[in-house]
C-alpha atoms as a PDB file:
ATOM      1  CA  MET A   1     130.659  83.925  19.774  1.00  0.00           C
ATOM      2  CA  LEU A   2     128.680  81.009  18.435  1.00  0.00           C
ATOM      3  CA  GLY A   3     127.619  83.151  15.494  1.00  0.00           C
ATOM      4  CA  ILE A   4     131.252  83.845  14.629  1.00  0.00           C
ATOM      5  CA  HIS A   5     132.180  80.172  14.872  1.00  0.00           C
ATOM      6  CA  GLY A   6     129.262  79.192  12.647  1.00  0.00           C
ATOM      7  CA  ARG A   7     130.166  81.787  10.044  1.00  0.00           C
ATOM      8  CA  LEU A   8     133.849  80.758  10.125  1.00  0.00           C
ATOM      9  CA  LYS A   9     132.807  77.167   9.425  1.00  0.00           C
ATOM     10  CA  GLN A  10     131.292  78.413   6.166  1.00  0.00           C
ATOM     11  CA  LEU A  11     134.610  79.940   5.043  1.00  0.00           C
ATOM     12  CA  ARG A  12     136.486  76.893   3.865  1.00  0.00           C
ATOM     13  CA  SER A  13     139.635  76.585   1.799  1.00  0.00           C
ATOM     14  CA  HIS A  14     141.810  73.753   0.597  1.00  0.00           C
ATOM     15  CA  GLY A  15     145.308  73.445   2.009  1.00  0.00           C
ATOM     16  CA  SER A  16     148.377  72.362   0.065  1.00  0.00           C
ATOM     17  CA  ASP A  17     147.674  68.796   1.203  1.00  0.00           C
ATOM     18  CA  GLY A  18     144.226  68.960  -0.437  1.00  0.00           C
ATOM     19  CA  ARG A  19     142.355  68.874   2.876  1.00  0.00           C
ATOM     20  CA  CYS A  20     139.463  71.262   3.441  1.00  0.00           C
ATOM     21  CA  ARG A  21     140.072  73.669   6.337  1.00  0.00           C
ATOM     22  CA  MET A  22     138.385  76.659   7.896  1.00  0.00           C
ATOM     23  CA  ALA A  23     139.876  80.005   6.806  1.00  0.00           C
ATOM     24  CA  GLY A  24     140.009  81.017  10.457  1.00  0.00           C
ATOM     25  CA  ARG A  25     139.252  79.636  13.867  1.00  0.00           C
ATOM     26  CA  LEU A  26     138.490  81.122  17.238  1.00  0.00           C
ATOM     27  CA  LEU A  27     141.261  80.115  19.644  1.00  0.00           C
ATOM     28  CA  LEU A  28     140.491  82.062  22.780  1.00  0.00           C
ATOM     29  CA  GLN A  29     138.148  84.605  24.293  1.00  0.00           C
ATOM     30  CA  VAL A  30     139.565  86.767  27.090  1.00  0.00           C
ATOM     31  CA  HIS A  31     136.855  89.075  28.463  1.00  0.00           C
ATOM     32  CA  ASP A  32     135.948  91.226  25.451  1.00  0.00           C
ATOM     33  CA  GLU A  33     138.875  90.110  23.262  1.00  0.00           C
ATOM     34  CA  LEU A  34     138.822  87.329  20.704  1.00  0.00           C
ATOM     35  CA  ILE A  35     141.994  85.602  19.555  1.00  0.00           C
ATOM     36  CA  LEU A  36     141.712  83.995  16.134  1.00  0.00           C
ATOM     37  CA  GLU A  37     144.078  81.980  13.996  1.00  0.00           C
ATOM     38  CA  VAL A  38     143.524  82.969  10.363  1.00  0.00           C
ATOM     39  CA  GLU A  39     145.047  81.983   7.047  1.00  0.00           C
ATOM     40  CA  GLU A  40     147.334  84.793   5.940  1.00  0.00           C
ATOM     41  CA  THR A  41     145.624  85.173   2.568  1.00  0.00           C
ATOM     42  CA  ARG A  42     142.115  85.349   4.083  1.00  0.00           C
ATOM     43  CA  TRP A  43     142.529  87.663   7.100  1.00  0.00           C
ATOM     44  CA  GLU A  44     140.666  90.590   5.524  1.00  0.00           C
ATOM     45  CA  GLU A  45     137.661  88.400   4.741  1.00  0.00           C
ATOM     46  CA  VAL A  46     137.671  86.941   8.265  1.00  0.00           C
ATOM     47  CA  ARG A  47     138.129  90.422   9.770  1.00  0.00           C
ATOM     48  CA  ASP A  48     135.061  91.740   7.949  1.00  0.00           C
ATOM     49  CA  LEU A  49     133.001  88.733   9.047  1.00  0.00           C
ATOM     50  CA  VAL A  50     134.017  89.040  12.715  1.00  0.00           C
ATOM     51  CA  ILE A  51     133.435  92.801  12.835  1.00  0.00           C
ATOM     52  CA  LEU A  52     129.989  92.427  11.279  1.00  0.00           C
ATOM     53  CA  GLU A  53     129.042  89.652  13.735  1.00  0.00           C
ATOM     54  CA  MET A  54     130.275  91.683  16.721  1.00  0.00           C
ATOM     55  CA  ILE A  55     128.369  94.796  15.654  1.00  0.00           C
ATOM     56  CA  ASN A  56     125.209  92.746  15.036  1.00  0.00           C
ATOM     57  CA  ALA A  57     125.572  91.119  18.470  1.00  0.00           C
ATOM     58  CA  GLY A  58     125.567  94.578  20.085  1.00  0.00           C
ATOM     59  CA  GLN A  59     122.581  96.009  18.198  1.00  0.00           C
ATOM     60  CA  ASP A  60     120.394  96.150  21.291  1.00  0.00           C
ATOM     61  CA  LEU A  61     122.977  97.927  23.445  1.00  0.00           C
ATOM     62  CA  LYS A  62     122.390 101.575  24.345  1.00  0.00           C
ATOM     63  CA  VAL A  63     126.032 102.376  23.577  1.00  0.00           C
ATOM     64  CA  PRO A  64     127.361 101.431  20.120  1.00  0.00           C
ATOM     65  CA  LEU A  65     129.846  98.565  20.162  1.00  0.00           C
ATOM     66  CA  GLN A  66     133.268  99.505  18.849  1.00  0.00           C
ATOM     67  CA  VAL A  67     135.386  96.778  17.283  1.00  0.00           C
ATOM     68  CA  LYS A  68     139.158  97.039  16.951  1.00  0.00           C
ATOM     69  CA  TRP A  69     141.251  94.588  14.960  1.00  0.00           C
ATOM     70  CA  ARG A  70     144.971  93.896  15.217  1.00  0.00           C
ATOM     71  CA  VAL A  71     147.086  91.470  13.195  1.00  0.00           C
ATOM     72  CA  GLY A  72     150.301  89.794  14.252  1.00  0.00           C
ATOM     73  CA  LYS A  73     152.256  86.557  14.004  1.00  0.00           C
ATOM     74  CA  SER A  74     151.553  85.845  17.684  1.00  0.00           C
ATOM     75  CA  TRP A  75     149.408  87.204  20.512  1.00  0.00           C
ATOM     76  CA  GLY A  76     152.522  88.511  22.268  1.00  0.00           C
ATOM     77  CA  SER A  77     153.568  90.510  19.203  1.00  0.00           C
ATOM     78  CA  LEU A  78     150.435  92.677  19.244  1.00  0.00           C
ATOM     79  CA  ASP A  79     150.663  96.202  20.654  1.00  0.00           C
ATOM     80  CA  SER A  80     147.836  97.518  22.809  1.00  0.00           C
END
């Protein structure tokens, strides 16, 4: 997950207050799930980055790593 955090640090944007912020940040890891907070306008870019990092992390596995992505306003609003 360090690779994802490092890559997210490279995706910066300026908020309405002029401050520089990350486009997304890793909030929580629960077993094999990652919970991220992402700017609404940048979620596709962050999704592509996270999926690529996850697939690259599993390159040496004998079984291909599958990555699923869900979007919602809150963790509780996501369907399984």
